[in-house]
C-alpha atoms as a PDB file:
ATOM      1  CA  MET A   1     -37.450 -21.838  62.651  1.00  0.00           C
ATOM      2  CA  THR A   2     -34.645 -20.807  61.176  1.00  0.00           C
ATOM      3  CA  PHE A   3     -34.494 -23.832  59.174  1.00  0.00           C
ATOM      4  CA  ARG A   4     -37.910 -22.966  57.815  1.00  0.00           C
ATOM      5  CA  LEU A   5     -37.148 -19.001  57.494  1.00  0.00           C
ATOM      6  CA  ILE A   6     -34.196 -20.464  54.969  1.00  0.00           C
ATOM      7  CA  VAL A   7     -36.704 -23.090  53.183  1.00  0.00           C
ATOM      8  CA  GLY A   8     -38.905 -20.678  52.621  1.00  0.00           C
ATOM      9  CA  ALA A   9     -36.418 -17.893  50.758  1.00  0.00           C
ATOM     10  CA  VAL A  10     -35.248 -20.601  48.888  1.00  0.00           C
ATOM     11  CA  LEU A  11     -38.874 -22.317  48.212  1.00  0.00           C
ATOM     12  CA  ALA A  12     -39.838 -17.983  47.306  1.00  0.00           C
ATOM     13  CA  THR A  13     -36.683 -17.885  46.163  1.00  0.00           C
ATOM     14  CA  GLY A  14     -37.078 -20.688  43.634  1.00  0.00           C
ATOM     15  CA  ILE A  15     -40.718 -19.482  42.945  1.00  0.00           C
ATOM     16  CA  ALA A  16     -39.996 -15.916  42.034  1.00  0.00           C
ATOM     17  CA  VAL A  17     -37.600 -17.205  39.613  1.00  0.00           C
ATOM     18  CA  ALA A  18     -40.089 -19.653  37.936  1.00  0.00           C
ATOM     19  CA  VAL A  19     -42.391 -16.968  37.027  1.00  0.00           C
ATOM     20  CA  SER A  20     -39.905 -14.748  36.527  1.00  0.00           C
ATOM     21  CA  GLY A  21     -38.130 -17.029  34.092  1.00  0.00           C
ATOM     22  CA  ALA A  22     -42.023 -17.622  32.839  1.00  0.00           C
ATOM     23  CA  VAL A  23     -42.331 -13.805  31.985  1.00  0.00           C
ATOM     24  CA  LEU A  24     -39.535 -13.456  30.822  1.00  0.00           C
ATOM     25  CA  ALA A  25     -40.096 -16.520  28.445  1.00  0.00           C
ATOM     26  CA  GLN A  26     -43.618 -15.264  27.628  1.00  0.00           C
ATOM     27  CA  ASN A  27     -42.426 -12.002  27.229  1.00  0.00           C
ATOM     28  CA  ALA A  28     -39.775 -12.985  24.000  1.00  0.00           C
ATOM     29  CA  ALA A  29     -42.220 -15.029  23.004  1.00  0.00           C
ATOM     30  CA  SER A  30     -44.502 -12.304  22.571  1.00  0.00           C
ATOM     31  CA  SER A  31     -41.638 -10.598  21.056  1.00  0.00           C
ATOM     32  CA  LEU A  32     -40.927 -12.499  18.454  1.00  0.00           C
ATOM     33  CA  PRO A  33     -44.163 -12.100  16.346  1.00  0.00           C
ATOM     34  CA  PRO A  34     -43.368  -8.536  15.922  1.00  0.00           C
ATOM     35  CA  ALA A  35     -40.669  -9.090  14.322  1.00  0.00           C
ATOM     36  CA  ARG A  36     -41.458 -11.568  12.603  1.00  0.00           C
ATOM     37  CA  ASP A  37     -44.584  -9.616  11.252  1.00  0.00           C
ATOM     38  CA  GLU A  38     -42.119  -6.439  10.367  1.00  0.00           C
ATOM     39  CA  LEU A  39     -40.162  -8.797   8.106  1.00  0.00           C
ATOM     40  CA  VAL A  40     -43.254  -9.703   6.832  1.00  0.00           C
ATOM     41  CA  ALA A  41     -44.468  -5.817   6.210  1.00  0.00           C
ATOM     42  CA  GLU A  42     -41.540  -5.110   5.307  1.00  0.00           C
ATOM     43  CA  ILE A  43     -40.963  -8.567   2.037  1.00  0.00           C
ATOM     44  CA  ARG A  44     -44.684  -6.501   1.333  1.00  0.00           C
ATOM     45  CA  ALA A  45     -43.274  -3.261   0.477  1.00  0.00           C
ATOM     46  CA  LEU A  46     -39.905  -4.747  -1.665  1.00  0.00           C
ATOM     47  CA  ARG A  47     -42.888  -6.877  -3.313  1.00  0.00           C
ATOM     48  CA  ALA A  48     -44.824  -3.463  -4.110  1.00  0.00           C
ATOM     49  CA  ASP A  49     -41.644  -1.805  -4.925  1.00  0.00           C
ATOM     50  CA  LEU A  50     -40.375  -4.294  -7.115  1.00  0.00           C
ATOM     51  CA  ALA A  51     -43.489  -4.490  -9.031  1.00  0.00           C
ATOM     52  CA  GLN A  52     -43.829  -0.743  -9.413  1.00  0.00           C
ATOM     53  CA  ALA A  53     -40.367  -0.857 -10.931  1.00  0.00           C
ATOM     54  CA  MET A  54     -41.445  -3.672 -13.196  1.00  0.00           C
ATOM     55  CA  SER A  55     -44.570  -1.603 -14.079  1.00  0.00           C
ATOM     56  CA  ALA A  56     -42.296   1.439 -14.480  1.00  0.00           C
ATOM     57  CA  ASN A  57     -39.864  -0.379 -16.249  1.00  0.00           C
ATOM     58  CA  ILE A  58     -42.151  -1.746 -18.689  1.00  0.00           C
ATOM     59  CA  ARG A  59     -44.105   1.551 -19.472  1.00  0.00           C
ATOM     60  CA  ALA A  60     -40.907   2.776 -20.524  1.00  0.00           C
ATOM     61  CA  GLN A  61     -40.417   0.501 -22.689  1.00  0.00           C
ATOM     62  CA  LEU A  62     -43.285   0.588 -24.326  1.00  0.00           C
ATOM     63  CA  LEU A  63     -42.766   4.218 -24.409  1.00  0.00           C
ATOM     64  CA  VAL A  64     -39.311   3.795 -25.719  1.00  0.00           C
ATOM     65  CA  GLY A  65     -41.326   1.175 -28.915  1.00  0.00           C
ATOM     66  CA  ARG A  66     -43.661   4.362 -29.392  1.00  0.00           C
ATOM     67  CA  LEU A  67     -41.210   7.221 -29.628  1.00  0.00           C
ATOM     68  CA  GLN A  68     -38.791   5.335 -32.097  1.00  0.00           C
ATOM     69  CA  LEU A  69     -41.899   4.244 -34.056  1.00  0.00           C
ATOM     70  CA  GLN A  70     -42.946   8.229 -33.632  1.00  0.00           C
ATOM     71  CA  GLU A  71     -39.697   8.853 -34.885  1.00  0.00           C
ATOM     72  CA  GLN A  72     -39.324   6.620 -37.791  1.00  0.00           C
ATOM     73  CA  ARG A  73     -42.918   8.806 -38.807  1.00  0.00           C
ATOM     74  CA  MET A  74     -41.707  11.038 -38.183  1.00  0.00           C
ATOM     75  CA  THR A  75     -38.539  10.883 -40.702  1.00  0.00           C
ATOM     76  CA  ALA A  76     -40.867   8.820 -42.785  1.00  0.00           C
ATOM     77  CA  LEU A  77     -43.133  12.459 -43.377  1.00  0.00           C
ATOM     78  CA  GLY A  78     -39.991  14.796 -43.054  1.00  0.00           C
ATOM     79  CA  ALA A  79     -38.651  12.694 -46.926  1.00  0.00           C
ATOM     80  CA  GLN A  80     -42.187  12.828 -48.346  1.00  0.00           C
ATOM     81  CA  LEU A  81     -42.746  16.229 -47.815  1.00  0.00           C
ATOM     82  CA  ALA A  82     -38.629  16.549 -48.507  1.00  0.00           C
ATOM     83  CA  GLY A  83     -39.366  15.197 -51.970  1.00  0.00           C
ATOM     84  CA  VAL A  84     -42.790  17.529 -52.439  1.00  0.00           C
ATOM     85  CA  GLN A  85     -41.484  20.369 -52.142  1.00  0.00           C
ATOM     86  CA  GLN A  86     -38.706  19.678 -54.869  1.00  0.00           C
ATOM     87  CA  ALA A  87     -40.972  18.383 -57.072  1.00  0.00           C
ATOM     88  CA  LEU A  88     -43.161  21.696 -55.721  1.00  0.00           C
ATOM     89  CA  ASP A  89     -39.866  23.829 -57.002  1.00  0.00           C
ATOM     90  CA  ALA A  90     -39.095  22.784 -60.037  1.00  0.00           C
ATOM     91  CA  ALA A  91     -42.727  23.123 -60.991  1.00  0.00           C
ATOM     92  CA  GLU A  92     -42.305  26.741 -60.142  1.00  0.00           C
ATOM     93  CA  ARG A  93     -39.728  26.764 -62.219  1.00  0.00           C
ATOM     94  CA  GLU A  94     -40.572  24.859 -65.021  1.00  0.00           C
ATOM     95  CA  ARG A  95     -44.425  27.776 -64.771  1.00  0.00           C
ATOM     96  CA  VAL A  96     -41.652  30.259 -64.266  1.00  0.00           C
ATOM     97  CA  ASP A  97     -40.068  29.117 -67.726  1.00  0.00           C
ATOM     98  CA  GLN A  98     -42.737  28.155 -69.537  1.00  0.00           C
ATOM     99  CA  ALA A  99     -44.810  32.275 -68.367  1.00  0.00           C
ATOM    100  CA  ASP A 100     -41.028  33.567 -69.802  1.00  0.00           C
ATOM    101  CA  ARG A 101     -41.412  31.639 -73.316  1.00  0.00           C
ATOM    102  CA  LEU A 102     -44.411  32.601 -73.300  1.00  0.00           C
ATOM    103  CA  ALA A 103     -44.450  35.894 -72.953  1.00  0.00           C
ATOM    104  CA  ASP A 104     -40.958  36.521 -75.352  1.00  0.00           C
ATOM    105  CA  LEU A 105     -43.197  34.928 -78.124  1.00  0.00           C
ATOM    106  CA  GLN A 106     -46.596  37.199 -77.381  1.00  0.00           C
ATOM    107  CA  ASN A 107     -44.399  40.465 -77.211  1.00  0.00           C
ATOM    108  CA  ALA A 108     -42.980  39.017 -80.752  1.00  0.00           C
ATOM    109  CA  LEU A 109     -45.967  38.460 -81.938  1.00  0.00           C
ATOM    110  CA  SER A 110     -47.180  41.753 -81.351  1.00  0.00           C
ATOM    111  CA  THR A 111     -44.856  43.812 -82.366  1.00  0.00           C
ATOM    112  CA  GLY A 112     -45.153  42.348 -86.206  1.00  0.00           C
ATOM    113  CA  GLN A 113     -41.696  42.173 -87.121  1.00  0.00           C
ATOM    114  CA  ILE A 114     -42.421  38.688 -87.783  1.00  0.00           C
ATOM    115  CA  PRO A 115     -42.989  36.986 -91.314  1.00  0.00           C
ATOM    116  CA  ALA A 116     -46.755  35.124 -92.088  1.00  0.00           C
ATOM    117  CA  VAL A 117     -45.206  31.825 -92.254  1.00  0.00           C
ATOM    118  CA  GLU A 118     -43.196  32.223 -88.803  1.00  0.00           C
ATOM    119  CA  GLU A 119     -46.111  33.981 -86.937  1.00  0.00           C
ATOM    120  CA  GLN A 120     -48.722  30.618 -87.644  1.00  0.00           C
ATOM    121  CA  ALA A 121     -45.943  28.008 -85.676  1.00  0.00           C
ATOM    122  CA  ILE A 122     -45.760  30.386 -82.720  1.00  0.00           C
ATOM    123  CA  ARG A 123     -49.491  31.329 -82.629  1.00  0.00           C
ATOM    124  CA  GLN A 124     -49.230  27.442 -82.146  1.00  0.00           C
ATOM    125  CA  GLU A 125     -46.201  26.949 -80.421  1.00  0.00           C
ATOM    126  CA  THR A 126     -48.234  29.930 -77.727  1.00  0.00           C
ATOM    127  CA  ALA A 127     -51.222  27.792 -77.638  1.00  0.00           C
ATOM    128  CA  ARG A 128     -49.173  25.129 -76.332  1.00  0.00           C
ATOM    129  CA  ILE A 129     -47.583  26.978 -74.084  1.00  0.00           C
ATOM    130  CA  LYS A 130     -50.960  27.769 -72.753  1.00  0.00           C
ATOM    131  CA  THR A 131     -51.606  24.909 -72.717  1.00  0.00           C
ATOM    132  CA  ASP A 132     -49.523  23.324 -70.330  1.00  0.00           C
ATOM    133  CA  LEU A 133     -49.261  26.224 -68.490  1.00  0.00           C
ATOM    134  CA  SER A 134     -52.999  25.033 -67.035  1.00  0.00           C
ATOM    135  CA  ARG A 135     -51.340  21.186 -66.947  1.00  0.00           C
ATOM    136  CA  VAL A 136     -48.487  23.104 -64.717  1.00  0.00           C
ATOM    137  CA  ASP A 137     -50.898  25.246 -63.068  1.00  0.00           C
ATOM    138  CA  VAL A 138     -53.264  22.112 -61.054  1.00  0.00           C
ATOM    139  CA  GLN A 139     -50.217  20.665 -60.576  1.00  0.00           C
ATOM    140  CA  LEU A 140     -48.286  23.214 -58.790  1.00  0.00           C
ATOM    141  CA  GLN A 141     -52.189  23.493 -56.834  1.00  0.00           C
ATOM    142  CA  ALA A 142     -51.717  19.949 -56.293  1.00  0.00           C
ATOM    143  CA  LEU A 143     -48.106  19.700 -54.803  1.00  0.00           C
ATOM    144  CA  ARG A 144     -49.112  22.897 -53.065  1.00  0.00           C
ATOM    145  CA  THR A 145     -52.326  20.799 -51.035  1.00  0.00           C
ATOM    146  CA  ASP A 146     -49.618  18.014 -50.420  1.00  0.00           C
ATOM    147  CA  ALA A 147     -47.279  20.141 -48.868  1.00  0.00           C
ATOM    148  CA  ALA A 148     -49.668  21.566 -46.681  1.00  0.00           C
ATOM    149  CA  ASP A 149     -51.194  17.944 -46.124  1.00  0.00           C
ATOM    150  CA  LEU A 150     -47.782  16.523 -45.269  1.00  0.00           C
ATOM    151  CA  SER A 151     -46.537  19.825 -43.259  1.00  0.00           C
ATOM    152  CA  GLY A 152     -50.161  19.140 -41.070  1.00  0.00           C
ATOM    153  CA  ARG A 153     -49.126  15.559 -40.471  1.00  0.00           C
ATOM    154  CA  LEU A 154     -45.299  15.580 -39.928  1.00  0.00           C
ATOM    155  CA  THR A 155     -46.118  18.900 -37.014  1.00  0.00           C
ATOM    156  CA  ALA A 156     -49.573  16.361 -35.339  1.00  0.00           C
ATOM    157  CA  GLU A 157     -46.532  13.440 -35.181  1.00  0.00           C
ATOM    158  CA  GLN A 158     -43.764  15.898 -33.932  1.00  0.00           C
ATOM    159  CA  GLY A 159     -46.740  17.380 -31.008  1.00  0.00           C
ATOM    160  CA  ARG A 160     -46.912  13.174 -29.434  1.00  0.00           C
ATOM    161  CA  TRP A 161     -43.000  13.033 -30.261  1.00  0.00           C
ATOM    162  CA  ILE A 162     -42.896  15.421 -27.701  1.00  0.00           C
ATOM    163  CA  GLU A 163     -45.855  14.096 -26.031  1.00  0.00           C
ATOM    164  CA  PHE A 164     -44.155  10.761 -25.415  1.00  0.00           C
ATOM    165  CA  ASN A 165     -40.477  11.941 -24.915  1.00  0.00           C
ATOM    166  CA  ASN A 166     -42.295  14.086 -20.973  1.00  0.00           C
ATOM    167  CA  ARG A 167     -44.009  11.665 -19.915  1.00  0.00           C
ATOM    168  CA  LEU A 168     -41.119   9.763 -20.424  1.00  0.00           C
ATOM    169  CA  ASP A 169     -39.212  12.145 -18.767  1.00  0.00           C
ATOM    170  CA  ASP A 170     -41.818  11.977 -15.484  1.00  0.00           C
ATOM    171  CA  ILE A 171     -40.672   8.324 -16.116  1.00  0.00           C
ATOM    172  CA  GLU A 172     -36.904   9.073 -14.999  1.00  0.00           C
ATOM    173  CA  ARG A 173     -37.925  11.552 -12.310  1.00  0.00           C
ATOM    174  CA  TRP A 174     -40.180   9.463 -10.588  1.00  0.00           C
ATOM    175  CA  LEU A 175     -37.230   6.786 -10.835  1.00  0.00           C
ATOM    176  CA  PRO A 176     -34.903   6.726  -7.128  1.00  0.00           C
ATOM    177  CA  ALA A 177     -31.331   8.543  -8.353  1.00  0.00           C
ATOM    178  CA  PRO A 178     -28.250   5.763  -8.756  1.00  0.00           C
ATOM    179  CA  ALA A 179     -25.823   5.693  -6.059  1.00  0.00           C
ATOM    180  CA  GLY A 180     -23.551   8.007  -6.462  1.00  0.00           C
ATOM    181  CA  GLY A 181     -25.151  10.412  -9.308  1.00  0.00           C
ATOM    182  CA  THR A 182     -27.293  11.999 -10.279  1.00  0.00           C
ATOM    183  CA  VAL A 183     -29.825  11.036 -13.342  1.00  0.00           C
ATOM    184  CA  ARG A 184     -29.073  13.645 -14.892  1.00  0.00           C
END
């Protein structure tokens, strides 16, 4: 009977080892897919992060391009405005000079001390200056209108530039800080 007990014990132990081996193998096999699933999930998350980073990079490049175009527009409008302002200043100086000359001639005529020969020439000069003043007044009005238009356009372009700059700031804030430092 001891032999049977020993054989039974050996068989029971063998069966227990076989069953526990099967259970361990099944546990090992069942733990492998979750690890693989976690790996696949991590790869998908990395792909999503990479796609998002590439999208942000493309958007940032587009915004930088637009920002540069805005700067070019603003520079061109600023140059045009400066040119119109110079022309306006010159026309205003011409108007002041012509008005002063007209006042001098009219003052000379009003005193009555000018010889008749010169008086006719002064009257002709006065008429010419009045015509020139009318022309300068029209030119001044056109230049003032141009300056106001360019100033308004420049202000609008500056607003768009600020908007693009703010969008770039938003993208910059979205980006993670570089290792060992901060973005700004």
